[in-house]
Amino acid sequence: MPAIQRQFKRIPLWITVDYASILHMPHDIRDWLLDSASLTLRIKSYCRNNQLGCFSVRLLSQGMGIPSNDEVQRLKLKSRRYALIREVVLYCGSTPLIYARTVIPVKTLSGAQRQLGHLGNRPLGEFLFAQPELQRDVMEIALVKEGHQLYDSASACIEHSPDNIWARRSVFRLGKKPLLVAEVFLPDVLQQSHHHASMAQLAPVLKASFGAELQVDES
């Protein structure tokens, strides 16, 4: 595929997950945003439980490109260095649920991790969560709006675009090799979701953010 050109658009305000950010999230999206397990497995289960059709991945684009400034900072890359940029949509049947953008530094694409450049329509999550050395850095969340790169790319996948869409991102590490995964939760993923996460269930995310066990008070 051809190289992906750098897009100079507004950058979302990414916020590290903490108690304050959790309490200000709508309940219907909080559980999705802060689930630290495999999103691929969860979407597959969601497809089955809601009889929405088979799970599938559609590869929108993949190629070498220059990451945005905030992606460069998050991955601690040198400015204007190329990386492999992969954009996909996760579907249940014909319904798009998740738009995902992955930035993989060139140095990460070595050894066993060369497979990351050849996934095609296979889900990235299945590969990542099968790796015993996988580590996940702190999770960040954002409310992306029109004019943001993530919003414009994600909204192109749906018929009716809302005013804003929730997104999250994390740096994953395979050994010492990083990659940045951003996931945008499209409106249809919430329509039949009624499960609300308790603060106790969110403890793993908070531990990753703060680096220690925290006492959870739901009174």
N, C-alpha and C. Protein backbone atom coordinates (compact mmCIF):
# COMPACT_ATOMS: atom_id res chain seq x y z
N MET A 1 0.84 -1.19 0.00
CA MET A 1 0.00 0.00 0.00
C MET A 1 0.88 1.25 0.00
N PRO A 2 0.38 2.37 -0.53
CA PRO A 2 1.18 3.59 -0.58
C PRO A 2 1.41 4.17 0.80
N ALA A 3 2.43 5.02 0.90
CA ALA A 3 2.72 5.67 2.17
C ALA A 3 1.57 6.57 2.57
N ILE A 4 1.32 6.66 3.87
CA ILE A 4 0.26 7.51 4.40
C ILE A 4 0.85 8.89 4.67
N GLN A 5 0.24 9.91 4.11
CA GLN A 5 0.73 11.26 4.31
C GLN A 5 0.33 11.78 5.69
N ARG A 6 1.16 12.60 6.25
CA ARG A 6 0.87 13.18 7.56
C ARG A 6 -0.32 14.12 7.46
N GLN A 7 -1.22 14.06 8.42
CA GLN A 7 -2.41 14.90 8.43
C GLN A 7 -2.27 15.95 9.52
N PHE A 8 -2.30 17.23 9.11
CA PHE A 8 -2.16 18.30 10.08
C PHE A 8 -3.55 18.75 10.52
N LYS A 9 -4.04 18.15 11.58
CA LYS A 9 -5.36 18.47 12.09
C LYS A 9 -5.27 18.69 13.59
N ARG A 10 -6.37 19.16 14.16
CA ARG A 10 -6.39 19.40 15.59
C ARG A 10 -6.17 18.10 16.35
N ILE A 11 -5.52 18.22 17.50
CA ILE A 11 -5.21 17.07 18.34
C ILE A 11 -6.17 17.03 19.52
N PRO A 12 -6.76 15.87 19.83
CA PRO A 12 -7.64 15.77 20.99
C PRO A 12 -6.89 16.02 22.29
N LEU A 13 -7.63 16.36 23.32
CA LEU A 13 -7.06 16.49 24.66
C LEU A 13 -7.09 15.13 25.32
N TRP A 14 -5.95 14.48 25.37
CA TRP A 14 -5.86 13.15 25.97
C TRP A 14 -5.64 13.29 27.48
N ILE A 15 -6.45 12.56 28.25
CA ILE A 15 -6.40 12.63 29.70
C ILE A 15 -6.08 11.25 30.26
N THR A 16 -5.09 11.18 31.13
CA THR A 16 -4.76 9.92 31.79
C THR A 16 -5.90 9.53 32.73
N VAL A 17 -6.26 8.27 32.73
CA VAL A 17 -7.37 7.80 33.55
C VAL A 17 -7.08 8.01 35.03
N ASP A 18 -8.01 8.66 35.73
CA ASP A 18 -7.95 8.79 37.18
C ASP A 18 -9.39 8.80 37.70
N TYR A 19 -9.54 8.93 39.02
CA TYR A 19 -10.89 8.89 39.58
C TYR A 19 -11.77 10.00 39.03
N ALA A 20 -11.23 11.20 38.88
CA ALA A 20 -12.02 12.33 38.41
C ALA A 20 -12.54 12.09 37.00
N SER A 21 -11.66 11.60 36.11
CA SER A 21 -12.10 11.36 34.74
C SER A 21 -13.14 10.25 34.67
N ILE A 22 -12.99 9.22 35.51
CA ILE A 22 -13.96 8.13 35.52
C ILE A 22 -15.33 8.63 35.95
N LEU A 23 -15.37 9.44 36.98
CA LEU A 23 -16.66 9.90 37.51
C LEU A 23 -17.39 10.81 36.54
N HIS A 24 -16.67 11.44 35.62
CA HIS A 24 -17.31 12.33 34.66
C HIS A 24 -17.68 11.63 33.35
N MET A 25 -17.39 10.34 33.25
CA MET A 25 -17.77 9.61 32.04
C MET A 25 -19.22 9.15 32.12
N PRO A 26 -19.94 9.18 31.00
CA PRO A 26 -21.28 8.57 30.98
C PRO A 26 -21.17 7.08 31.29
N HIS A 27 -22.14 6.55 32.03
CA HIS A 27 -22.07 5.15 32.44
C HIS A 27 -22.04 4.20 31.26
N ASP A 28 -22.75 4.53 30.17
CA ASP A 28 -22.84 3.58 29.07
C ASP A 28 -21.52 3.40 28.33
N ILE A 29 -20.61 4.35 28.42
CA ILE A 29 -19.33 4.24 27.74
C ILE A 29 -18.20 3.89 28.69
N ARG A 30 -18.38 4.13 29.99
CA ARG A 30 -17.30 3.93 30.96
C ARG A 30 -16.78 2.50 30.94
N ASP A 31 -17.68 1.54 30.89
CA ASP A 31 -17.29 0.14 30.92
C ASP A 31 -16.47 -0.24 29.69
N TRP A 32 -16.84 0.30 28.54
CA TRP A 32 -16.11 0.02 27.31
C TRP A 32 -14.73 0.67 27.32
N LEU A 33 -14.68 1.93 27.69
CA LEU A 33 -13.42 2.66 27.65
C LEU A 33 -12.36 2.07 28.56
N LEU A 34 -12.77 1.57 29.71
CA LEU A 34 -11.82 1.21 30.74
C LEU A 34 -11.61 -0.29 30.90
N ASP A 35 -12.13 -1.06 29.98
CA ASP A 35 -11.90 -2.50 30.00
C ASP A 35 -10.48 -2.76 29.52
N SER A 36 -9.64 -3.32 30.37
CA SER A 36 -8.24 -3.52 30.04
C SER A 36 -7.97 -4.86 29.36
N ALA A 37 -9.00 -5.68 29.18
CA ALA A 37 -8.83 -6.97 28.49
C ALA A 37 -8.88 -6.74 26.98
N SER A 38 -8.86 -7.82 26.23
CA SER A 38 -8.84 -7.73 24.77
C SER A 38 -10.15 -7.18 24.23
N LEU A 39 -10.09 -6.06 23.53
CA LEU A 39 -11.29 -5.48 22.93
C LEU A 39 -11.80 -6.38 21.80
N THR A 40 -10.89 -7.05 21.10
CA THR A 40 -11.30 -7.96 20.03
C THR A 40 -12.20 -9.06 20.57
N LEU A 41 -11.81 -9.69 21.68
CA LEU A 41 -12.63 -10.75 22.27
C LEU A 41 -13.96 -10.21 22.75
N ARG A 42 -13.94 -9.00 23.29
CA ARG A 42 -15.20 -8.44 23.79
C ARG A 42 -16.15 -8.13 22.63
N ILE A 43 -15.63 -7.60 21.53
CA ILE A 43 -16.49 -7.31 20.38
C ILE A 43 -17.05 -8.60 19.79
N LYS A 44 -16.23 -9.65 19.74
CA LYS A 44 -16.73 -10.94 19.26
C LYS A 44 -17.89 -11.43 20.11
N SER A 45 -17.75 -11.32 21.43
CA SER A 45 -18.82 -11.72 22.34
C SER A 45 -20.05 -10.84 22.16
N TYR A 46 -19.82 -9.55 21.97
CA TYR A 46 -20.92 -8.60 21.74
C TYR A 46 -21.70 -8.97 20.48
N CYS A 47 -20.99 -9.35 19.44
CA CYS A 47 -21.65 -9.75 18.19
C CYS A 47 -22.56 -10.95 18.42
N ARG A 48 -22.04 -11.95 19.14
CA ARG A 48 -22.82 -13.16 19.40
C ARG A 48 -24.01 -12.87 20.29
N ASN A 49 -23.79 -12.18 21.39
CA ASN A 49 -24.85 -11.97 22.38
C ASN A 49 -25.98 -11.12 21.85
N ASN A 50 -25.69 -10.21 20.93
CA ASN A 50 -26.72 -9.32 20.40
C ASN A 50 -27.19 -9.72 19.00
N GLN A 51 -26.71 -10.90 18.55
CA GLN A 51 -27.13 -11.43 17.24
C GLN A 51 -27.01 -10.38 16.13
N LEU A 52 -25.85 -9.77 16.08
CA LEU A 52 -25.62 -8.70 15.11
C LEU A 52 -24.86 -9.17 13.88
N GLY A 53 -24.56 -10.46 13.81
CA GLY A 53 -23.80 -10.97 12.68
C GLY A 53 -22.39 -11.32 13.09
N CYS A 54 -21.62 -11.79 12.13
CA CYS A 54 -20.26 -12.26 12.41
C CYS A 54 -19.29 -11.09 12.59
N PHE A 55 -18.32 -11.32 13.46
CA PHE A 55 -17.25 -10.35 13.67
C PHE A 55 -16.32 -10.33 12.45
N SER A 56 -15.86 -9.15 12.08
CA SER A 56 -14.88 -9.04 11.00
C SER A 56 -14.06 -7.78 11.16
N VAL A 57 -12.91 -7.76 10.52
CA VAL A 57 -12.02 -6.60 10.51
C VAL A 57 -11.88 -6.12 9.07
N ARG A 58 -12.08 -4.83 8.86
CA ARG A 58 -11.87 -4.24 7.53
C ARG A 58 -10.64 -3.35 7.59
N LEU A 59 -9.64 -3.68 6.81
CA LEU A 59 -8.43 -2.86 6.74
C LEU A 59 -8.69 -1.66 5.84
N LEU A 60 -8.64 -0.47 6.43
CA LEU A 60 -8.87 0.75 5.67
C LEU A 60 -7.61 1.20 4.95
N SER A 61 -6.50 1.20 5.67
CA SER A 61 -5.23 1.63 5.09
C SER A 61 -4.08 1.11 5.94
N GLN A 62 -2.96 0.93 5.31
CA GLN A 62 -1.74 0.55 6.02
C GLN A 62 -0.55 0.97 5.17
N GLY A 63 0.38 1.65 5.78
CA GLY A 63 1.56 2.09 5.05
C GLY A 63 2.47 2.91 5.93
N MET A 64 3.63 3.24 5.41
CA MET A 64 4.58 4.05 6.14
C MET A 64 4.15 5.52 6.08
N GLY A 65 4.16 6.17 7.21
CA GLY A 65 3.77 7.56 7.29
C GLY A 65 4.41 8.24 8.49
N ILE A 66 4.24 9.54 8.57
CA ILE A 66 4.78 10.30 9.70
C ILE A 66 3.67 10.49 10.72
N PRO A 67 3.83 9.99 11.93
CA PRO A 67 2.79 10.13 12.96
C PRO A 67 2.52 11.60 13.30
N SER A 68 1.37 11.86 13.90
CA SER A 68 1.03 13.21 14.36
C SER A 68 1.93 13.58 15.54
N ASN A 69 1.96 14.86 15.86
CA ASN A 69 2.84 15.33 16.93
C ASN A 69 2.57 14.64 18.26
N ASP A 70 1.30 14.46 18.60
CA ASP A 70 0.99 13.83 19.90
C ASP A 70 1.36 12.35 19.89
N GLU A 71 1.28 11.70 18.73
CA GLU A 71 1.71 10.30 18.65
C GLU A 71 3.22 10.19 18.78
N VAL A 72 3.93 11.14 18.19
CA VAL A 72 5.39 11.18 18.32
C VAL A 72 5.78 11.32 19.79
N GLN A 73 5.10 12.24 20.50
CA GLN A 73 5.40 12.46 21.91
C GLN A 73 5.06 11.24 22.76
N ARG A 74 3.93 10.62 22.46
CA ARG A 74 3.50 9.48 23.28
C ARG A 74 4.45 8.29 23.12
N LEU A 75 4.98 8.12 21.90
CA LEU A 75 5.88 7.00 21.65
C LEU A 75 7.35 7.38 21.87
N LYS A 76 7.59 8.67 22.16
CA LYS A 76 8.94 9.18 22.38
C LYS A 76 9.82 8.92 21.16
N LEU A 77 9.26 9.26 19.99
CA LEU A 77 9.99 9.11 18.75
C LEU A 77 10.68 10.42 18.39
N LYS A 78 11.64 10.33 17.52
CA LYS A 78 12.24 11.53 16.97
C LYS A 78 11.30 12.13 15.93
N SER A 79 11.28 13.44 15.85
CA SER A 79 10.37 14.13 14.94
C SER A 79 10.63 13.72 13.49
N ARG A 80 9.51 13.58 12.75
CA ARG A 80 9.52 13.31 11.32
C ARG A 80 10.15 11.95 10.98
N ARG A 81 10.10 11.02 11.92
CA ARG A 81 10.52 9.66 11.63
C ARG A 81 9.29 8.85 11.17
N TYR A 82 9.48 8.05 10.16
CA TYR A 82 8.38 7.25 9.65
C TYR A 82 8.05 6.10 10.59
N ALA A 83 6.77 5.70 10.53
CA ALA A 83 6.29 4.54 11.28
C ALA A 83 5.23 3.85 10.42
N LEU A 84 4.94 2.62 10.74
CA LEU A 84 3.86 1.92 10.05
C LEU A 84 2.54 2.34 10.69
N ILE A 85 1.63 2.86 9.90
CA ILE A 85 0.33 3.32 10.39
C ILE A 85 -0.76 2.43 9.81
N ARG A 86 -1.54 1.84 10.68
CA ARG A 86 -2.58 0.89 10.29
C ARG A 86 -3.93 1.41 10.79
N GLU A 87 -4.92 1.45 9.90
CA GLU A 87 -6.26 1.90 10.26
C GLU A 87 -7.27 0.81 9.87
N VAL A 88 -8.11 0.44 10.83
CA VAL A 88 -9.09 -0.62 10.60
C VAL A 88 -10.43 -0.25 11.23
N VAL A 89 -11.46 -0.98 10.85
CA VAL A 89 -12.76 -0.90 11.51
C VAL A 89 -13.18 -2.31 11.91
N LEU A 90 -13.66 -2.45 13.14
CA LEU A 90 -14.21 -3.73 13.62
C LEU A 90 -15.72 -3.72 13.42
N TYR A 91 -16.23 -4.80 12.83
CA TYR A 91 -17.65 -4.90 12.49
C TYR A 91 -18.32 -6.06 13.20
N CYS A 92 -19.61 -5.90 13.44
CA CYS A 92 -20.52 -7.00 13.68
C CYS A 92 -21.45 -7.04 12.48
N GLY A 93 -21.36 -8.06 11.67
CA GLY A 93 -22.13 -8.07 10.43
C GLY A 93 -21.74 -6.87 9.58
N SER A 94 -22.74 -6.03 9.25
CA SER A 94 -22.48 -4.83 8.46
C SER A 94 -22.41 -3.57 9.32
N THR A 95 -22.41 -3.75 10.65
CA THR A 95 -22.44 -2.62 11.57
C THR A 95 -21.04 -2.29 12.07
N PRO A 96 -20.52 -1.08 11.78
CA PRO A 96 -19.20 -0.70 12.29
C PRO A 96 -19.28 -0.31 13.76
N LEU A 97 -18.39 -0.85 14.57
CA LEU A 97 -18.43 -0.61 16.01
C LEU A 97 -17.21 0.13 16.53
N ILE A 98 -16.04 -0.19 16.02
CA ILE A 98 -14.78 0.39 16.51
C ILE A 98 -13.92 0.82 15.33
N TYR A 99 -13.44 2.04 15.37
CA TYR A 99 -12.38 2.47 14.46
C TYR A 99 -11.08 2.46 15.25
N ALA A 100 -10.03 1.89 14.68
CA ALA A 100 -8.75 1.80 15.39
C ALA A 100 -7.61 2.28 14.50
N ARG A 101 -6.69 3.01 15.13
CA ARG A 101 -5.49 3.50 14.45
C ARG A 101 -4.28 3.05 15.27
N THR A 102 -3.36 2.36 14.62
CA THR A 102 -2.18 1.85 15.28
C THR A 102 -0.93 2.45 14.64
N VAL A 103 -0.03 2.92 15.48
CA VAL A 103 1.25 3.47 15.01
C VAL A 103 2.36 2.56 15.53
N ILE A 104 3.11 1.98 14.60
CA ILE A 104 4.14 1.02 14.95
C ILE A 104 5.50 1.56 14.50
N PRO A 105 6.36 1.94 15.43
CA PRO A 105 7.69 2.41 15.04
C PRO A 105 8.45 1.37 14.22
N VAL A 106 9.30 1.83 13.32
CA VAL A 106 10.05 0.93 12.47
C VAL A 106 10.88 -0.05 13.30
N LYS A 107 11.47 0.43 14.41
CA LYS A 107 12.31 -0.44 15.24
C LYS A 107 11.51 -1.57 15.88
N THR A 108 10.20 -1.38 16.02
CA THR A 108 9.36 -2.44 16.60
C THR A 108 9.17 -3.59 15.61
N LEU A 109 9.27 -3.29 14.31
CA LEU A 109 9.01 -4.29 13.27
C LEU A 109 10.24 -5.14 13.00
N SER A 110 10.71 -5.81 14.03
CA SER A 110 11.88 -6.68 13.89
C SER A 110 11.64 -7.97 14.67
N GLY A 111 12.36 -9.01 14.32
CA GLY A 111 12.18 -10.28 15.00
C GLY A 111 10.76 -10.80 14.82
N ALA A 112 10.22 -11.37 15.88
CA ALA A 112 8.86 -11.92 15.82
C ALA A 112 7.81 -10.86 15.54
N GLN A 113 8.14 -9.61 15.86
CA GLN A 113 7.17 -8.53 15.68
C GLN A 113 7.03 -8.09 14.22
N ARG A 114 7.80 -8.67 13.32
CA ARG A 114 7.61 -8.39 11.90
C ARG A 114 6.20 -8.76 11.45
N GLN A 115 5.60 -9.71 12.16
CA GLN A 115 4.23 -10.13 11.82
C GLN A 115 3.25 -8.97 11.89
N LEU A 116 3.55 -7.96 12.69
CA LEU A 116 2.64 -6.83 12.83
C LEU A 116 2.42 -6.10 11.51
N GLY A 117 3.36 -6.21 10.61
CA GLY A 117 3.22 -5.56 9.32
C GLY A 117 2.49 -6.38 8.28
N HIS A 118 2.04 -7.58 8.67
CA HIS A 118 1.42 -8.49 7.70
C HIS A 118 0.10 -9.07 8.22
N LEU A 119 -0.59 -8.34 9.06
CA LEU A 119 -1.83 -8.85 9.64
C LEU A 119 -2.99 -8.81 8.66
N GLY A 120 -2.98 -7.84 7.75
CA GLY A 120 -4.09 -7.71 6.81
C GLY A 120 -5.40 -7.49 7.54
N ASN A 121 -6.41 -8.32 7.26
CA ASN A 121 -7.71 -8.21 7.90
C ASN A 121 -7.82 -9.02 9.19
N ARG A 122 -6.70 -9.51 9.69
CA ARG A 122 -6.72 -10.20 10.98
C ARG A 122 -6.65 -9.17 12.11
N PRO A 123 -7.32 -9.43 13.23
CA PRO A 123 -7.33 -8.45 14.32
C PRO A 123 -5.99 -8.35 15.04
N LEU A 124 -5.54 -7.14 15.26
CA LEU A 124 -4.30 -6.90 16.00
C LEU A 124 -4.40 -7.43 17.42
N GLY A 125 -5.57 -7.27 18.05
CA GLY A 125 -5.74 -7.68 19.44
C GLY A 125 -5.45 -9.15 19.68
N GLU A 126 -5.83 -10.00 18.74
CA GLU A 126 -5.58 -11.43 18.90
C GLU A 126 -4.08 -11.71 18.97
N PHE A 127 -3.32 -11.00 18.16
CA PHE A 127 -1.86 -11.17 18.19
C PHE A 127 -1.28 -10.65 19.49
N LEU A 128 -1.67 -9.42 19.86
CA LEU A 128 -1.07 -8.79 21.04
C LEU A 128 -1.33 -9.59 22.30
N PHE A 129 -2.58 -9.95 22.55
CA PHE A 129 -2.93 -10.58 23.82
C PHE A 129 -2.52 -12.04 23.89
N ALA A 130 -1.96 -12.56 22.79
CA ALA A 130 -1.40 -13.91 22.82
C ALA A 130 0.08 -13.90 23.17
N GLN A 131 0.65 -12.70 23.30
CA GLN A 131 2.09 -12.59 23.58
C GLN A 131 2.33 -12.56 25.09
N PRO A 132 3.10 -13.49 25.62
CA PRO A 132 3.30 -13.55 27.08
C PRO A 132 4.05 -12.35 27.64
N GLU A 133 4.84 -11.66 26.81
CA GLU A 133 5.61 -10.52 27.30
C GLU A 133 4.87 -9.20 27.16
N LEU A 134 3.60 -9.24 26.76
CA LEU A 134 2.85 -8.00 26.51
C LEU A 134 2.69 -7.17 27.78
N GLN A 135 2.99 -5.89 27.66
CA GLN A 135 2.74 -4.92 28.73
C GLN A 135 1.94 -3.75 28.16
N ARG A 136 1.12 -3.16 29.01
CA ARG A 136 0.29 -2.03 28.57
C ARG A 136 0.56 -0.85 29.49
N ASP A 137 0.92 0.28 28.90
CA ASP A 137 1.15 1.50 29.67
C ASP A 137 -0.18 2.10 30.10
N VAL A 138 -0.11 3.24 30.77
CA VAL A 138 -1.32 3.89 31.26
C VAL A 138 -2.29 4.18 30.11
N MET A 139 -3.56 4.10 30.41
CA MET A 139 -4.60 4.35 29.43
C MET A 139 -4.97 5.83 29.44
N GLU A 140 -5.18 6.38 28.25
CA GLU A 140 -5.64 7.76 28.11
C GLU A 140 -6.97 7.76 27.39
N ILE A 141 -7.81 8.75 27.72
CA ILE A 141 -9.12 8.87 27.09
C ILE A 141 -9.28 10.28 26.53
N ALA A 142 -10.17 10.40 25.55
CA ALA A 142 -10.43 11.71 24.95
C ALA A 142 -11.82 11.71 24.35
N LEU A 143 -12.42 12.89 24.30
CA LEU A 143 -13.68 13.10 23.59
C LEU A 143 -13.31 13.81 22.29
N VAL A 144 -13.33 13.06 21.19
CA VAL A 144 -12.86 13.61 19.93
C VAL A 144 -14.02 14.27 19.18
N LYS A 145 -13.69 15.37 18.50
CA LYS A 145 -14.71 16.18 17.84
C LYS A 145 -14.32 16.46 16.40
N GLU A 146 -15.27 17.05 15.66
CA GLU A 146 -15.02 17.36 14.26
C GLU A 146 -13.76 18.21 14.12
N GLY A 147 -12.92 17.84 13.17
CA GLY A 147 -11.66 18.53 12.97
C GLY A 147 -10.49 17.79 13.56
N HIS A 148 -10.77 16.91 14.53
CA HIS A 148 -9.72 16.04 15.06
C HIS A 148 -9.48 14.92 14.05
N GLN A 149 -8.24 14.52 13.90
CA GLN A 149 -7.90 13.47 12.95
C GLN A 149 -8.68 12.19 13.22
N LEU A 150 -8.73 11.76 14.47
CA LEU A 150 -9.43 10.52 14.80
C LEU A 150 -10.93 10.62 14.52
N TYR A 151 -11.53 11.77 14.85
CA TYR A 151 -12.97 11.94 14.61
C TYR A 151 -13.27 11.86 13.12
N ASP A 152 -12.51 12.59 12.32
CA ASP A 152 -12.79 12.64 10.89
C ASP A 152 -12.60 11.28 10.24
N SER A 153 -11.59 10.54 10.66
CA SER A 153 -11.37 9.20 10.11
C SER A 153 -12.46 8.24 10.56
N ALA A 154 -12.84 8.31 11.84
CA ALA A 154 -13.86 7.39 12.36
C ALA A 154 -15.24 7.71 11.81
N SER A 155 -15.60 8.98 11.72
CA SER A 155 -16.94 9.36 11.27
C SER A 155 -17.16 9.03 9.80
N ALA A 156 -16.07 8.88 9.04
CA ALA A 156 -16.20 8.49 7.64
C ALA A 156 -16.71 7.06 7.49
N CYS A 157 -16.70 6.30 8.59
CA CYS A 157 -17.12 4.90 8.55
C CYS A 157 -18.60 4.73 8.87
N ILE A 158 -19.29 5.79 9.29
CA ILE A 158 -20.68 5.69 9.71
C ILE A 158 -21.54 6.69 8.95
N GLU A 159 -22.85 6.42 8.89
CA GLU A 159 -23.76 7.27 8.12
C GLU A 159 -24.05 8.59 8.82
N HIS A 160 -24.31 8.53 10.11
CA HIS A 160 -24.70 9.72 10.85
C HIS A 160 -23.67 9.97 11.96
N SER A 161 -22.99 11.08 11.85
CA SER A 161 -21.92 11.37 12.80
C SER A 161 -22.44 12.16 14.00
N PRO A 162 -22.16 11.73 15.22
CA PRO A 162 -22.53 12.51 16.41
C PRO A 162 -21.62 13.72 16.55
N ASP A 163 -21.96 14.58 17.50
CA ASP A 163 -21.14 15.79 17.71
C ASP A 163 -19.75 15.44 18.22
N ASN A 164 -19.65 14.37 18.99
CA ASN A 164 -18.36 13.94 19.50
C ASN A 164 -18.40 12.44 19.76
N ILE A 165 -17.24 11.84 19.87
CA ILE A 165 -17.11 10.39 20.05
C ILE A 165 -16.00 10.13 21.07
N TRP A 166 -16.23 9.16 21.95
CA TRP A 166 -15.22 8.80 22.94
C TRP A 166 -14.15 7.91 22.31
N ALA A 167 -12.93 8.12 22.76
CA ALA A 167 -11.80 7.33 22.28
C ALA A 167 -10.86 7.04 23.44
N ARG A 168 -10.02 6.06 23.25
CA ARG A 168 -8.98 5.74 24.23
C ARG A 168 -7.71 5.34 23.48
N ARG A 169 -6.59 5.40 24.17
CA ARG A 169 -5.36 4.93 23.56
C ARG A 169 -4.40 4.44 24.64
N SER A 170 -3.52 3.54 24.23
CA SER A 170 -2.49 3.00 25.13
C SER A 170 -1.27 2.65 24.31
N VAL A 171 -0.12 2.74 24.95
CA VAL A 171 1.10 2.19 24.38
C VAL A 171 1.23 0.76 24.88
N PHE A 172 1.32 -0.17 23.95
CA PHE A 172 1.61 -1.57 24.28
C PHE A 172 3.09 -1.81 24.04
N ARG A 173 3.66 -2.72 24.81
CA ARG A 173 5.07 -3.07 24.64
C ARG A 173 5.22 -4.58 24.55
N LEU A 174 5.94 -5.00 23.53
CA LEU A 174 6.30 -6.39 23.35
C LEU A 174 7.80 -6.49 23.63
N GLY A 175 8.14 -6.90 24.84
CA GLY A 175 9.51 -6.74 25.30
C GLY A 175 9.72 -5.25 25.52
N LYS A 176 10.66 -4.67 24.83
CA LYS A 176 10.88 -3.22 24.94
C LYS A 176 10.44 -2.50 23.67
N LYS A 177 9.66 -3.17 22.84
CA LYS A 177 9.24 -2.62 21.56
C LYS A 177 7.83 -2.03 21.67
N PRO A 178 7.67 -0.71 21.50
CA PRO A 178 6.37 -0.08 21.69
C PRO A 178 5.54 0.02 20.41
N LEU A 179 4.23 0.10 20.59
CA LEU A 179 3.30 0.50 19.53
C LEU A 179 2.13 1.20 20.20
N LEU A 180 1.54 2.15 19.51
CA LEU A 180 0.45 2.95 20.06
C LEU A 180 -0.85 2.56 19.37
N VAL A 181 -1.86 2.21 20.18
CA VAL A 181 -3.16 1.81 19.65
C VAL A 181 -4.22 2.78 20.17
N ALA A 182 -4.92 3.43 19.24
CA ALA A 182 -6.05 4.31 19.58
C ALA A 182 -7.32 3.67 19.04
N GLU A 183 -8.35 3.65 19.89
CA GLU A 183 -9.63 3.02 19.52
C GLU A 183 -10.76 4.02 19.74
N VAL A 184 -11.60 4.17 18.72
CA VAL A 184 -12.73 5.10 18.77
C VAL A 184 -14.00 4.27 18.81
N PHE A 185 -14.87 4.56 19.79
CA PHE A 185 -16.09 3.77 20.01
C PHE A 185 -17.25 4.40 19.25
N LEU A 186 -17.64 3.77 18.16
CA LEU A 186 -18.69 4.31 17.30
C LEU A 186 -20.06 4.14 17.95
N PRO A 187 -21.04 4.96 17.56
CA PRO A 187 -22.33 5.00 18.29
C PRO A 187 -23.02 3.66 18.44
N ASP A 188 -22.98 2.79 17.44
CA ASP A 188 -23.73 1.55 17.51
C ASP A 188 -23.22 0.59 18.57
N VAL A 189 -22.00 0.78 19.05
CA VAL A 189 -21.48 -0.13 20.07
C VAL A 189 -22.20 0.06 21.40
N LEU A 190 -22.87 1.20 21.58
CA LEU A 190 -23.53 1.49 22.85
C LEU A 190 -25.03 1.21 22.85
N GLN A 191 -25.62 1.00 21.69
CA GLN A 191 -27.07 0.92 21.60
C GLN A 191 -27.66 -0.21 22.42
N GLN A 192 -26.96 -1.34 22.47
CA GLN A 192 -27.49 -2.49 23.20
C GLN A 192 -26.63 -2.85 24.40
N SER A 193 -25.82 -1.89 24.84
CA SER A 193 -24.94 -2.14 25.98
C SER A 193 -25.60 -1.61 27.25
N HIS A 194 -25.82 -2.50 28.21
CA HIS A 194 -26.50 -2.10 29.45
C HIS A 194 -25.66 -2.40 30.69
N HIS A 195 -24.48 -2.91 30.49
CA HIS A 195 -23.64 -3.27 31.64
C HIS A 195 -22.81 -2.07 32.06
N HIS A 196 -22.88 -1.74 33.34
CA HIS A 196 -22.10 -0.63 33.88
C HIS A 196 -21.00 -1.17 34.78
N ALA A 197 -19.81 -0.70 34.55
CA ALA A 197 -18.68 -1.16 35.36
C ALA A 197 -18.71 -0.53 36.74
N SER A 198 -18.42 -1.33 37.75
CA SER A 198 -18.27 -0.79 39.09
C SER A 198 -16.85 -0.25 39.25
N MET A 199 -16.64 0.58 40.26
CA MET A 199 -15.30 1.11 40.50
C MET A 199 -14.33 -0.02 40.82
N ALA A 200 -14.81 -1.07 41.51
CA ALA A 200 -13.94 -2.19 41.83
C ALA A 200 -13.46 -2.89 40.56
N GLN A 201 -14.33 -3.01 39.56
CA GLN A 201 -13.95 -3.65 38.30
C GLN A 201 -12.92 -2.83 37.55
N LEU A 202 -12.86 -1.54 37.83
CA LEU A 202 -11.93 -0.67 37.12
C LEU A 202 -10.58 -0.57 37.82
N ALA A 203 -10.41 -1.30 38.91
CA ALA A 203 -9.17 -1.22 39.66
C ALA A 203 -7.93 -1.54 38.83
N PRO A 204 -7.96 -2.54 37.90
CA PRO A 204 -6.75 -2.79 37.11
C PRO A 204 -6.29 -1.59 36.29
N VAL A 205 -7.25 -0.84 35.75
CA VAL A 205 -6.90 0.34 34.97
C VAL A 205 -6.30 1.41 35.86
N LEU A 206 -6.89 1.61 37.02
CA LEU A 206 -6.38 2.61 37.95
C LEU A 206 -4.99 2.21 38.45
N LYS A 207 -4.79 0.92 38.68
CA LYS A 207 -3.47 0.47 39.12
C LYS A 207 -2.42 0.76 38.07
N ALA A 208 -2.78 0.53 36.79
CA ALA A 208 -1.83 0.81 35.71
C ALA A 208 -1.51 2.29 35.62
N SER A 209 -2.51 3.13 35.92
CA SER A 209 -2.31 4.57 35.82
C SER A 209 -1.48 5.11 36.98
N PHE A 210 -1.71 4.57 38.18
CA PHE A 210 -1.06 5.12 39.36
C PHE A 210 0.11 4.27 39.86
N GLY A 211 0.20 3.04 39.36
CA GLY A 211 1.33 2.20 39.73
C GLY A 211 1.21 1.56 41.09
N ALA A 212 0.01 1.54 41.65
CA ALA A 212 -0.18 0.93 42.98
C ALA A 212 -1.64 0.56 43.15
N GLU A 213 -1.88 -0.36 44.06
CA GLU A 213 -3.26 -0.71 44.38
C GLU A 213 -3.94 0.48 45.06
N LEU A 214 -5.20 0.71 44.70
CA LEU A 214 -5.94 1.83 45.30
C LEU A 214 -7.17 1.29 46.01
N GLN A 215 -7.51 1.95 47.08
CA GLN A 215 -8.75 1.61 47.79
C GLN A 215 -9.92 2.21 47.05
N VAL A 216 -10.97 1.40 46.82
CA VAL A 216 -12.11 1.84 46.04
C VAL A 216 -13.30 2.01 46.95
N ASP A 217 -13.90 3.19 46.93
CA ASP A 217 -15.06 3.50 47.75
C ASP A 217 -16.23 3.80 46.83
N GLU A 218 -17.26 2.93 46.87
CA GLU A 218 -18.42 3.13 46.01
C GLU A 218 -19.62 3.57 46.81
N SER A 219 -19.41 4.06 48.00
CA SER A 219 -20.54 4.47 48.83
C SER A 219 -21.20 5.73 48.28
